[in-house]
PDB file of N, CA and C in Angstrom:
ATOM      1  N   MET A   1     -45.875  11.253  43.602  1.00  0.00           N
ATOM      2  CA  MET A   1     -46.913  12.159  43.195  1.00  0.00           C
ATOM      3  C   MET A   1     -46.513  12.778  41.850  1.00  0.00           C
ATOM      4  N   ARG A   2     -47.455  12.819  40.917  1.00  0.00           N
ATOM      5  CA  ARG A   2     -47.208  13.423  39.602  1.00  0.00           C
ATOM      6  C   ARG A   2     -48.321  14.423  39.312  1.00  0.00           C
ATOM      7  N   GLY A   3     -47.943  15.517  38.733  1.00  0.00           N
ATOM      8  CA  GLY A   3     -48.919  16.533  38.366  1.00  0.00           C
ATOM      9  C   GLY A   3     -49.403  16.328  36.940  1.00  0.00           C
ATOM     10  N   GLU A   4     -50.193  17.270  36.469  1.00  0.00           N
ATOM     11  CA  GLU A   4     -50.728  17.224  35.111  1.00  0.00           C
ATOM     12  C   GLU A   4     -50.083  18.311  34.254  1.00  0.00           C
ATOM     13  N   THR A   5     -50.313  18.232  32.975  1.00  0.00           N
ATOM     14  CA  THR A   5     -49.802  19.240  32.050  1.00  0.00           C
ATOM     15  C   THR A   5     -50.854  20.328  31.897  1.00  0.00           C
ATOM     16  N   VAL A   6     -50.439  21.580  32.088  1.00  0.00           N
ATOM     17  CA  VAL A   6     -51.341  22.719  31.922  1.00  0.00           C
ATOM     18  C   VAL A   6     -50.754  23.657  30.872  1.00  0.00           C
ATOM     19  N   THR A   7     -51.590  24.562  30.384  1.00  0.00           N
ATOM     20  CA  THR A   7     -51.148  25.557  29.419  1.00  0.00           C
ATOM     21  C   THR A   7     -51.392  26.939  29.999  1.00  0.00           C
ATOM     22  N   ILE A   8     -50.336  27.748  30.048  1.00  0.00           N
ATOM     23  CA  ILE A   8     -50.462  29.134  30.481  1.00  0.00           C
ATOM     24  C   ILE A   8     -50.718  29.972  29.233  1.00  0.00           C
ATOM     25  N   ILE A   9     -51.745  30.791  29.298  1.00  0.00           N
ATOM     26  CA  ILE A   9     -52.136  31.625  28.160  1.00  0.00           C
ATOM     27  C   ILE A   9     -51.898  33.082  28.546  1.00  0.00           C
ATOM     28  N   ARG A  10     -51.039  33.725  27.786  1.00  0.00           N
ATOM     29  CA  ARG A  10     -50.652  35.113  28.065  1.00  0.00           C
ATOM     30  C   ARG A  10     -51.051  35.985  26.880  1.00  0.00           C
ATOM     31  N   ARG A  11     -51.753  37.070  27.168  1.00  0.00           N
ATOM     32  CA  ARG A  11     -52.116  38.022  26.116  1.00  0.00           C
ATOM     33  C   ARG A  11     -51.284  39.288  26.268  1.00  0.00           C
ATOM     34  N   SER A  12     -50.934  39.878  25.138  1.00  0.00           N
ATOM     35  CA  SER A  12     -50.252  41.167  25.167  1.00  0.00           C
ATOM     36  C   SER A  12     -50.809  42.032  24.049  1.00  0.00           C
ATOM     37  N   LYS A  13     -50.791  43.336  24.284  1.00  0.00           N
ATOM     38  CA  LYS A  13     -51.332  44.269  23.302  1.00  0.00           C
ATOM     39  C   LYS A  13     -50.454  44.251  22.063  1.00  0.00           C
ATOM     40  N   ALA A  14     -51.086  44.065  20.901  1.00  0.00           N
ATOM     41  CA  ALA A  14     -50.345  43.986  19.641  1.00  0.00           C
ATOM     42  C   ALA A  14     -50.577  45.214  18.764  1.00  0.00           C
ATOM     43  N   GLY A  15     -51.460  46.111  19.196  1.00  0.00           N
ATOM     44  CA  GLY A  15     -51.749  47.307  18.419  1.00  0.00           C
ATOM     45  C   GLY A  15     -53.210  47.676  18.514  1.00  0.00           C
ATOM     46  N   GLU A  16     -53.639  48.505  17.567  1.00  0.00           N
ATOM     47  CA  GLU A  16     -55.032  48.939  17.533  1.00  0.00           C
ATOM     48  C   GLU A  16     -55.595  48.768  16.130  1.00  0.00           C
ATOM     49  N   ASP A  17     -56.890  48.477  16.076  1.00  0.00           N
ATOM     50  CA  ASP A  17     -57.546  48.397  14.772  1.00  0.00           C
ATOM     51  C   ASP A  17     -57.913  49.818  14.318  1.00  0.00           C
ATOM     52  N   PRO A  18     -58.387  49.998  13.080  1.00  0.00           N
ATOM     53  CA  PRO A  18     -58.701  51.336  12.572  1.00  0.00           C
ATOM     54  C   PRO A  18     -59.723  52.105  13.420  1.00  0.00           C
ATOM     55  N   ALA A  19     -60.578  51.394  14.141  1.00  0.00           N
ATOM     56  CA  ALA A  19     -61.591  52.048  14.975  1.00  0.00           C
ATOM     57  C   ALA A  19     -61.065  52.373  16.374  1.00  0.00           C
ATOM     58  N   GLY A  20     -59.801  52.027  16.651  1.00  0.00           N
ATOM     59  CA  GLY A  20     -59.213  52.320  17.957  1.00  0.00           C
ATOM     60  C   GLY A  20     -59.330  51.194  18.962  1.00  0.00           C
ATOM     61  N   GLY A  21     -59.887  50.069  18.546  1.00  0.00           N
ATOM     62  CA  GLY A  21     -59.986  48.916  19.448  1.00  0.00           C
ATOM     63  C   GLY A  21     -58.640  48.227  19.599  1.00  0.00           C
ATOM     64  N   THR A  22     -58.453  47.579  20.715  1.00  0.00           N
ATOM     65  CA  THR A  22     -57.191  46.905  20.998  1.00  0.00           C
ATOM     66  C   THR A  22     -57.096  45.579  20.251  1.00  0.00           C
ATOM     67  N   LEU A  23     -55.958  45.337  19.641  1.00  0.00           N
ATOM     68  CA  LEU A  23     -55.652  44.049  19.021  1.00  0.00           C
ATOM     69  C   LEU A  23     -54.714  43.314  19.970  1.00  0.00           C
ATOM     70  N   TRP A  24     -54.978  42.042  20.197  1.00  0.00           N
ATOM     71  CA  TRP A  24     -54.195  41.246  21.145  1.00  0.00           C
ATOM     72  C   TRP A  24     -53.450  40.127  20.434  1.00  0.00           C
ATOM     73  N   SER A  25     -52.267  39.817  20.940  1.00  0.00           N
ATOM     74  CA  SER A  25     -51.575  38.609  20.497  1.00  0.00           C
ATOM     75  C   SER A  25     -51.574  37.651  21.684  1.00  0.00           C
ATOM     76  N   THR A  26     -51.607  36.377  21.403  1.00  0.00           N
ATOM     77  CA  THR A  26     -51.681  35.368  22.453  1.00  0.00           C
ATOM     78  C   THR A  26     -50.496  34.419  22.335  1.00  0.00           C
ATOM     79  N   MET A  27     -49.858  34.143  23.482  1.00  0.00           N
ATOM     80  CA  MET A  27     -48.781  33.153  23.545  1.00  0.00           C
ATOM     81  C   MET A  27     -49.215  32.057  24.504  1.00  0.00           C
ATOM     82  N   GLU A  28     -48.903  30.823  24.150  1.00  0.00           N
ATOM     83  CA  GLU A  28     -49.223  29.698  25.025  1.00  0.00           C
ATOM     84  C   GLU A  28     -47.943  28.994  25.432  1.00  0.00           C
ATOM     85  N   GLU A  29     -47.886  28.617  26.703  1.00  0.00           N
ATOM     86  CA  GLU A  29     -46.724  27.917  27.264  1.00  0.00           C
ATOM     87  C   GLU A  29     -47.226  26.668  27.986  1.00  0.00           C
ATOM     88  N   THR A  30     -46.678  25.519  27.658  1.00  0.00           N
ATOM     89  CA  THR A  30     -47.058  24.262  28.295  1.00  0.00           C
ATOM     90  C   THR A  30     -46.136  23.998  29.484  1.00  0.00           C
ATOM     91  N   VAL A  31     -46.734  23.620  30.621  1.00  0.00           N
ATOM     92  CA  VAL A  31     -45.966  23.320  31.832  1.00  0.00           C
ATOM     93  C   VAL A  31     -46.376  21.941  32.321  1.00  0.00           C
ATOM     94  N   ASP A  32     -45.402  21.054  32.508  1.00  0.00           N
ATOM     95  CA  ASP A  32     -45.655  19.703  33.003  1.00  0.00           C
ATOM     96  C   ASP A  32     -45.550  19.647  34.524  1.00  0.00           C
ATOM     97  N   ASP A  33     -46.167  18.638  35.108  1.00  0.00           N
ATOM     98  CA  ASP A  33     -46.047  18.305  36.530  1.00  0.00           C
ATOM     99  C   ASP A  33     -46.624  19.369  37.461  1.00  0.00           C
ATOM    100  N   VAL A  34     -47.784  19.941  37.085  1.00  0.00           N
ATOM    101  CA  VAL A  34     -48.474  20.913  37.933  1.00  0.00           C
ATOM    102  C   VAL A  34     -49.528  20.161  38.744  1.00  0.00           C
ATOM    103  N   LEU A  35     -49.484  20.323  40.060  1.00  0.00           N
ATOM    104  CA  LEU A  35     -50.513  19.724  40.911  1.00  0.00           C
ATOM    105  C   LEU A  35     -51.717  20.646  40.908  1.00  0.00           C
ATOM    106  N   VAL A  36     -52.906  20.095  40.710  1.00  0.00           N
ATOM    107  CA  VAL A  36     -54.129  20.896  40.676  1.00  0.00           C
ATOM    108  C   VAL A  36     -55.107  20.331  41.698  1.00  0.00           C
ATOM    109  N   ALA A  37     -55.638  21.244  42.541  1.00  0.00           N
ATOM    110  CA  ALA A  37     -56.594  20.848  43.578  1.00  0.00           C
ATOM    111  C   ALA A  37     -57.831  21.731  43.465  1.00  0.00           C
ATOM    112  N   ASP A  38     -58.941  21.262  44.003  1.00  0.00           N
ATOM    113  CA  ASP A  38     -60.165  22.059  44.008  1.00  0.00           C
ATOM    114  C   ASP A  38     -60.061  23.211  44.988  1.00  0.00           C
ATOM    115  N   GLY A  39     -60.575  24.363  44.597  1.00  0.00           N
ATOM    116  CA  GLY A  39     -60.724  25.516  45.473  1.00  0.00           C
ATOM    117  C   GLY A  39     -59.477  25.992  46.176  1.00  0.00           C
ATOM    118  N   SER A  40     -59.717  26.836  47.170  1.00  0.00           N
ATOM    119  CA  SER A  40     -58.638  27.375  47.994  1.00  0.00           C
ATOM    120  C   SER A  40     -58.256  26.336  49.028  1.00  0.00           C
ATOM    121  N   GLN A  41     -56.985  26.099  49.181  1.00  0.00           N
ATOM    122  CA  GLN A  41     -56.542  25.087  50.132  1.00  0.00           C
ATOM    123  C   GLN A  41     -56.246  25.662  51.513  1.00  0.00           C
ATOM    124  N   SER A  42     -56.370  26.989  51.675  1.00  0.00           N
ATOM    125  CA  SER A  42     -56.071  27.595  52.967  1.00  0.00           C
ATOM    126  C   SER A  42     -57.174  27.349  53.984  1.00  0.00           C
ATOM    127  N   ASP A  43     -58.413  27.287  53.561  1.00  0.00           N
ATOM    128  CA  ASP A  43     -59.540  27.025  54.444  1.00  0.00           C
ATOM    129  C   ASP A  43     -60.652  26.459  53.584  1.00  0.00           C
ATOM    130  N   SER A  44     -60.780  25.155  53.580  1.00  0.00           N
ATOM    131  CA  SER A  44     -61.706  24.511  52.642  1.00  0.00           C
ATOM    132  C   SER A  44     -63.167  24.850  52.886  1.00  0.00           C
ATOM    133  N   THR A  45     -63.536  25.487  54.012  1.00  0.00           N
ATOM    134  CA  THR A  45     -64.924  25.866  54.233  1.00  0.00           C
ATOM    135  C   THR A  45     -65.225  27.269  53.714  1.00  0.00           C
ATOM    136  N   GLU A  46     -64.204  28.057  53.401  1.00  0.00           N
ATOM    137  CA  GLU A  46     -64.393  29.420  52.907  1.00  0.00           C
ATOM    138  C   GLU A  46     -63.482  29.645  51.716  1.00  0.00           C
ATOM    139  N   GLN A  47     -64.049  29.657  50.515  1.00  0.00           N
ATOM    140  CA  GLN A  47     -63.246  29.774  49.310  1.00  0.00           C
ATOM    141  C   GLN A  47     -63.393  31.126  48.631  1.00  0.00           C
ATOM    142  N   THR A  48     -63.969  32.115  49.322  1.00  0.00           N
ATOM    143  CA  THR A  48     -64.089  33.456  48.757  1.00  0.00           C
ATOM    144  C   THR A  48     -63.052  34.355  49.410  1.00  0.00           C
ATOM    145  N   MET A  49     -62.264  35.028  48.584  1.00  0.00           N
ATOM    146  CA  MET A  49     -61.236  35.922  49.080  1.00  0.00           C
ATOM    147  C   MET A  49     -61.873  37.254  49.475  1.00  0.00           C
ATOM    148  N   PRO A  50     -61.182  38.084  50.264  1.00  0.00           N
ATOM    149  CA  PRO A  50     -61.764  39.346  50.727  1.00  0.00           C
ATOM    150  C   PRO A  50     -62.267  40.263  49.612  1.00  0.00           C
ATOM    151  N   ASP A  51     -61.649  40.250  48.440  1.00  0.00           N
ATOM    152  CA  ASP A  51     -62.101  41.132  47.361  1.00  0.00           C
ATOM    153  C   ASP A  51     -63.234  40.514  46.543  1.00  0.00           C
ATOM    154  N   GLY A  52     -63.812  39.427  47.018  1.00  0.00           N
ATOM    155  CA  GLY A  52     -64.965  38.826  46.371  1.00  0.00           C
ATOM    156  C   GLY A  52     -64.657  37.804  45.304  1.00  0.00           C
ATOM    157  N   VAL A  53     -63.386  37.475  45.082  1.00  0.00           N
ATOM    158  CA  VAL A  53     -63.010  36.488  44.078  1.00  0.00           C
ATOM    159  C   VAL A  53     -63.161  35.095  44.673  1.00  0.00           C
ATOM    160  N   THR A  54     -63.868  34.227  43.978  1.00  0.00           N
ATOM    161  CA  THR A  54     -64.015  32.852  44.431  1.00  0.00           C
ATOM    162  C   THR A  54     -62.925  32.005  43.788  1.00  0.00           C
ATOM    163  N   VAL A  55     -62.156  31.328  44.614  1.00  0.00           N
ATOM    164  CA  VAL A  55     -61.085  30.475  44.112  1.00  0.00           C
ATOM    165  C   VAL A  55     -61.691  29.133  43.728  1.00  0.00           C
ATOM    166  N   ALA A  56     -61.649  28.832  42.426  1.00  0.00           N
ATOM    167  CA  ALA A  56     -62.243  27.597  41.916  1.00  0.00           C
ATOM    168  C   ALA A  56     -61.262  26.437  41.972  1.00  0.00           C
ATOM    169  N   ARG A  57     -59.991  26.699  41.676  1.00  0.00           N
ATOM    170  CA  ARG A  57     -58.952  25.670  41.666  1.00  0.00           C
ATOM    171  C   ARG A  57     -57.663  26.285  42.197  1.00  0.00           C
ATOM    172  N   THR A  58     -56.769  25.439  42.656  1.00  0.00           N
ATOM    173  CA  THR A  58     -55.442  25.868  43.096  1.00  0.00           C
ATOM    174  C   THR A  58     -54.420  25.018  42.366  1.00  0.00           C
ATOM    175  N   ALA A  59     -53.434  25.681  41.753  1.00  0.00           N
ATOM    176  CA  ALA A  59     -52.369  24.979  41.025  1.00  0.00           C
ATOM    177  C   ALA A  59     -51.053  25.189  41.762  1.00  0.00           C
ATOM    178  N   TYR A  60     -50.267  24.135  41.860  1.00  0.00           N
ATOM    179  CA  TYR A  60     -48.945  24.188  42.488  1.00  0.00           C
ATOM    180  C   TYR A  60     -47.911  23.989  41.390  1.00  0.00           C
ATOM    181  N   MET A  61     -47.132  25.042  41.136  1.00  0.00           N
ATOM    182  CA  MET A  61     -46.177  25.035  40.031  1.00  0.00           C
ATOM    183  C   MET A  61     -44.883  24.329  40.434  1.00  0.00           C
ATOM    184  N   PRO A  62     -44.302  23.558  39.517  1.00  0.00           N
ATOM    185  CA  PRO A  62     -43.070  22.826  39.818  1.00  0.00           C
ATOM    186  C   PRO A  62     -41.848  23.751  39.819  1.00  0.00           C
ATOM    187  N   ARG A  63     -40.870  23.401  40.622  1.00  0.00           N
ATOM    188  CA  ARG A  63     -39.622  24.174  40.674  1.00  0.00           C
ATOM    189  C   ARG A  63     -38.913  24.194  39.319  1.00  0.00           C
ATOM    190  N   ALA A  64     -39.116  23.169  38.509  1.00  0.00           N
ATOM    191  CA  ALA A  64     -38.459  23.083  37.202  1.00  0.00           C
ATOM    192  C   ALA A  64     -38.944  24.173  36.247  1.00  0.00           C
ATOM    193  N   TRP A  65     -40.109  24.759  36.525  1.00  0.00           N
ATOM    194  CA  TRP A  65     -40.647  25.824  35.675  1.00  0.00           C
ATOM    195  C   TRP A  65     -39.922  27.127  35.999  1.00  0.00           C
ATOM    196  N   ALA A  66     -39.379  27.775  34.986  1.00  0.00           N
ATOM    197  CA  ALA A  66     -38.680  29.054  35.179  1.00  0.00           C
ATOM    198  C   ALA A  66     -39.714  30.146  35.426  1.00  0.00           C
ATOM    199  N   TRP A  67     -39.750  30.675  36.648  1.00  0.00           N
ATOM    200  CA  TRP A  67     -40.767  31.635  37.044  1.00  0.00           C
ATOM    201  C   TRP A  67     -40.744  32.884  36.171  1.00  0.00           C
ATOM    202  N   HIS A  68     -41.932  33.370  35.830  1.00  0.00           N
ATOM    203  CA  HIS A  68     -42.157  34.696  35.283  1.00  0.00           C
ATOM    204  C   HIS A  68     -43.577  35.084  35.675  1.00  0.00           C
ATOM    205  N   SER A  69     -43.853  36.359  35.660  1.00  0.00           N
ATOM    206  CA  SER A  69     -45.135  36.861  36.144  1.00  0.00           C
ATOM    207  C   SER A  69     -46.312  36.188  35.443  1.00  0.00           C
ATOM    208  N   LEU A  70     -47.332  35.858  36.223  1.00  0.00           N
ATOM    209  CA  LEU A  70     -48.566  35.287  35.682  1.00  0.00           C
ATOM    210  C   LEU A  70     -49.714  36.287  35.762  1.00  0.00           C
ATOM    211  N   LYS A  71     -49.401  37.537  36.096  1.00  0.00           N
ATOM    212  CA  LYS A  71     -50.433  38.564  36.208  1.00  0.00           C
ATOM    213  C   LYS A  71     -51.175  38.705  34.880  1.00  0.00           C
ATOM    214  N   GLY A  72     -52.503  38.603  34.943  1.00  0.00           N
ATOM    215  CA  GLY A  72     -53.331  38.742  33.751  1.00  0.00           C
ATOM    216  C   GLY A  72     -53.393  37.499  32.879  1.00  0.00           C
ATOM    217  N   CYS A  73     -52.781  36.417  33.315  1.00  0.00           N
ATOM    218  CA  CYS A  73     -52.765  35.188  32.512  1.00  0.00           C
ATOM    219  C   CYS A  73     -53.990  34.321  32.789  1.00  0.00           C
ATOM    220  N   ARG A  74     -54.191  33.370  31.914  1.00  0.00           N
ATOM    221  CA  ARG A  74     -55.180  32.315  32.108  1.00  0.00           C
ATOM    222  C   ARG A  74     -54.427  30.988  32.144  1.00  0.00           C
ATOM    223  N   MET A  75     -55.072  29.972  32.677  1.00  0.00           N
ATOM    224  CA  MET A  75     -54.474  28.641  32.715  1.00  0.00           C
ATOM    225  C   MET A  75     -55.504  27.640  32.217  1.00  0.00           C
ATOM    226  N   ARG A  76     -55.102  26.825  31.224  1.00  0.00           N
ATOM    227  CA  ARG A  76     -55.959  25.758  30.711  1.00  0.00           C
ATOM    228  C   ARG A  76     -55.484  24.452  31.332  1.00  0.00           C
ATOM    229  N   LEU A  77     -56.392  23.767  32.008  1.00  0.00           N
ATOM    230  CA  LEU A  77     -56.049  22.499  32.645  1.00  0.00           C
ATOM    231  C   LEU A  77     -56.125  21.360  31.632  1.00  0.00           C
ATOM    232  N   ALA A  78     -55.692  20.197  32.061  1.00  0.00           N
ATOM    233  CA  ALA A  78     -55.647  19.032  31.170  1.00  0.00           C
ATOM    234  C   ALA A  78     -57.029  18.664  30.627  1.00  0.00           C
ATOM    235  N   ASP A  79     -58.088  18.977  31.376  1.00  0.00           N
ATOM    236  CA  ASP A  79     -59.447  18.653  30.905  1.00  0.00           C
ATOM    237  C   ASP A  79     -59.997  19.694  29.931  1.00  0.00           C
ATOM    238  N   GLY A  80     -59.203  20.738  29.615  1.00  0.00           N
ATOM    239  CA  GLY A  80     -59.608  21.762  28.662  1.00  0.00           C
ATOM    240  C   GLY A  80     -60.278  22.978  29.279  1.00  0.00           C
ATOM    241  N   THR A  81     -60.541  22.945  30.580  1.00  0.00           N
ATOM    242  CA  THR A  81     -61.175  24.065  31.261  1.00  0.00           C
ATOM    243  C   THR A  81     -60.173  25.192  31.477  1.00  0.00           C
ATOM    244  N   GLU A  82     -60.595  26.432  31.203  1.00  0.00           N
ATOM    245  CA  GLU A  82     -59.718  27.584  31.405  1.00  0.00           C
ATOM    246  C   GLU A  82     -60.148  28.385  32.623  1.00  0.00           C
ATOM    247  N   TYR A  83     -59.152  28.887  33.352  1.00  0.00           N
ATOM    248  CA  TYR A  83     -59.365  29.703  34.537  1.00  0.00           C
ATOM    249  C   TYR A  83     -58.482  30.933  34.448  1.00  0.00           C
ATOM    250  N   GLU A  84     -58.856  31.998  35.175  1.00  0.00           N
ATOM    251  CA  GLU A  84     -58.031  33.192  35.273  1.00  0.00           C
ATOM    252  C   GLU A  84     -57.149  33.085  36.508  1.00  0.00           C
ATOM    253  N   VAL A  85     -55.898  33.532  36.386  1.00  0.00           N
ATOM    254  CA  VAL A  85     -54.973  33.560  37.521  1.00  0.00           C
ATOM    255  C   VAL A  85     -55.358  34.730  38.415  1.00  0.00           C
ATOM    256  N   VAL A  86     -55.416  34.492  39.723  1.00  0.00           N
ATOM    257  CA  VAL A  86     -55.724  35.530  40.699  1.00  0.00           C
ATOM    258  C   VAL A  86     -54.417  36.217  41.105  1.00  0.00           C
ATOM    259  N   GLY A  87     -54.339  37.522  40.911  1.00  0.00           N
ATOM    260  CA  GLY A  87     -53.180  38.297  41.335  1.00  0.00           C
ATOM    261  C   GLY A  87     -51.925  38.000  40.526  1.00  0.00           C
ATOM    262  N   ASP A  88     -50.788  38.082  41.201  1.00  0.00           N
ATOM    263  CA  ASP A  88     -49.479  37.848  40.586  1.00  0.00           C
ATOM    264  C   ASP A  88     -48.650  36.978  41.531  1.00  0.00           C
ATOM    265  N   PRO A  89     -48.904  35.663  41.537  1.00  0.00           N
ATOM    266  CA  PRO A  89     -48.217  34.788  42.484  1.00  0.00           C
ATOM    267  C   PRO A  89     -46.706  34.730  42.251  1.00  0.00           C
ATOM    268  N   HIS A  90     -45.983  34.545  43.341  1.00  0.00           N
ATOM    269  CA  HIS A  90     -44.522  34.417  43.302  1.00  0.00           C
ATOM    270  C   HIS A  90     -44.113  33.125  44.005  1.00  0.00           C
ATOM    271  N   PRO A  91     -42.982  32.556  43.616  1.00  0.00           N
ATOM    272  CA  PRO A  91     -42.504  31.332  44.264  1.00  0.00           C
ATOM    273  C   PRO A  91     -42.069  31.598  45.702  1.00  0.00           C
ATOM    274  N   TYR A  92     -42.107  30.572  46.499  1.00  0.00           N
ATOM    275  CA  TYR A  92     -41.598  30.660  47.855  1.00  0.00           C
ATOM    276  C   TYR A  92     -40.501  29.625  48.018  1.00  0.00           C
ATOM    277  N   ASP A  93     -39.575  29.918  48.870  1.00  0.00           N
ATOM    278  CA  ASP A  93     -38.491  28.971  49.098  1.00  0.00           C
ATOM    279  C   ASP A  93     -38.099  29.003  50.564  1.00  0.00           C
ATOM    280  N   GLY A  94     -37.554  30.117  51.020  1.00  0.00           N
ATOM    281  CA  GLY A  94     -37.156  30.223  52.416  1.00  0.00           C
ATOM    282  C   GLY A  94     -36.082  29.229  52.811  1.00  0.00           C
ATOM    283  N   GLY A  95     -35.379  28.668  51.824  1.00  0.00           N
ATOM    284  CA  GLY A  95     -34.325  27.713  52.122  1.00  0.00           C
ATOM    285  C   GLY A  95     -34.802  26.283  52.267  1.00  0.00           C
ATOM    286  N   LEU A  96     -36.118  26.090  52.325  1.00  0.00           N
ATOM    287  CA  LEU A  96     -36.661  24.740  52.455  1.00  0.00           C
ATOM    288  C   LEU A  96     -37.075  24.235  51.084  1.00  0.00           C
ATOM    289  N   THR A  97     -36.694  23.025  50.767  1.00  0.00           N
ATOM    290  CA  THR A  97     -37.068  22.450  49.475  1.00  0.00           C
ATOM    291  C   THR A  97     -37.565  21.023  49.650  1.00  0.00           C
ATOM    292  N   PRO A  98     -38.654  20.835  50.420  1.00  0.00           N
ATOM    293  CA  PRO A  98     -39.122  19.473  50.685  1.00  0.00           C
ATOM    294  C   PRO A  98     -39.862  18.819  49.526  1.00  0.00           C
ATOM    295  N   THR A  99     -40.322  19.597  48.570  1.00  0.00           N
ATOM    296  CA  THR A  99     -41.075  19.009  47.467  1.00  0.00           C
ATOM    297  C   THR A  99     -40.604  19.586  46.134  1.00  0.00           C
ATOM    298  N   ARG A 100     -41.185  19.068  45.051  1.00  0.00           N
ATOM    299  CA  ARG A 100     -40.850  19.561  43.709  1.00  0.00           C
ATOM    300  C   ARG A 100     -41.645  20.810  43.344  1.00  0.00           C
ATOM    301  N   TRP A 101     -42.576  21.261  44.190  1.00  0.00           N
ATOM    302  CA  TRP A 101     -43.445  22.393  43.871  1.00  0.00           C
ATOM    303  C   TRP A 101     -43.138  23.561  44.790  1.00  0.00           C
ATOM    304  N   HIS A 102     -43.194  24.773  44.251  1.00  0.00           N
ATOM    305  CA  HIS A 102     -42.769  25.924  45.056  1.00  0.00           C
ATOM    306  C   HIS A 102     -43.603  27.188  44.862  1.00  0.00           C
ATOM    307  N   MET A 103     -44.732  27.070  44.201  1.00  0.00           N
ATOM    308  CA  MET A 103     -45.555  28.261  44.016  1.00  0.00           C
ATOM    309  C   MET A 103     -47.026  27.869  43.936  1.00  0.00           C
ATOM    310  N   VAL A 104     -47.851  28.586  44.698  1.00  0.00           N
ATOM    311  CA  VAL A 104     -49.286  28.358  44.713  1.00  0.00           C
ATOM    312  C   VAL A 104     -49.940  29.387  43.790  1.00  0.00           C
ATOM    313  N   VAL A 105     -50.750  28.898  42.852  1.00  0.00           N
ATOM    314  CA  VAL A 105     -51.462  29.776  41.926  1.00  0.00           C
ATOM    315  C   VAL A 105     -52.957  29.540  42.126  1.00  0.00           C
ATOM    316  N   GLN A 106     -53.641  30.576  42.600  1.00  0.00           N
ATOM    317  CA  GLN A 106     -55.080  30.469  42.763  1.00  0.00           C
ATOM    318  C   GLN A 106     -55.751  30.826  41.442  1.00  0.00           C
ATOM    319  N   LEU A 107     -56.777  30.062  41.108  1.00  0.00           N
ATOM    320  CA  LEU A 107     -57.482  30.218  39.829  1.00  0.00           C
ATOM    321  C   LEU A 107     -58.960  30.466  40.077  1.00  0.00           C
ATOM    322  N   THR A 108     -59.529  31.377  39.296  1.00  0.00           N
ATOM    323  CA  THR A 108     -60.949  31.677  39.404  1.00  0.00           C
ATOM    324  C   THR A 108     -61.624  31.399  38.059  1.00  0.00           C
ATOM    325  N   ALA A 109     -62.913  31.138  38.103  1.00  0.00           N
ATOM    326  CA  ALA A 109     -63.663  30.844  36.873  1.00  0.00           C
ATOM    327  C   ALA A 109     -63.601  32.034  35.931  1.00  0.00           C
ATOM    328  N   MET A 110     -63.603  31.754  34.630  1.00  0.00           N
ATOM    329  CA  MET A 110     -63.558  32.802  33.599  1.00  0.00           C
ATOM    330  C   MET A 110     -64.832  33.639  33.669  1.00  0.00           C
ATOM    331  N   LYS A 111     -64.676  34.934  33.459  1.00  0.00           N
ATOM    332  CA  LYS A 111     -65.821  35.860  33.488  1.00  0.00           C
ATOM    333  C   LYS A 111     -66.500  35.913  32.152  1.00  0.00           C
TER     334      LYS A 111
END
């Protein structure tokens, strides 16, 4: 099994313009071997989370990727479509390492 290459897009506040509006800087990080599936994989008949967020895609991050927070990030898939990361996913391990992937990232359509 091989995943696809995705781009993580992270914005951070870079300052303010003269009118007081926020100026943003953007960093992009490319990650190889990410498995991407449609919707929420926990229950394929119900893809809406309790807070009303609809999970459009699910990405499985490879263990080779050095984890850092994805809170507030976007993810661009290989087809060029961008999604927002839901919440702040963390890797799981529990001592079991049966696959190359260790973190589930739920993605929702851009607003």
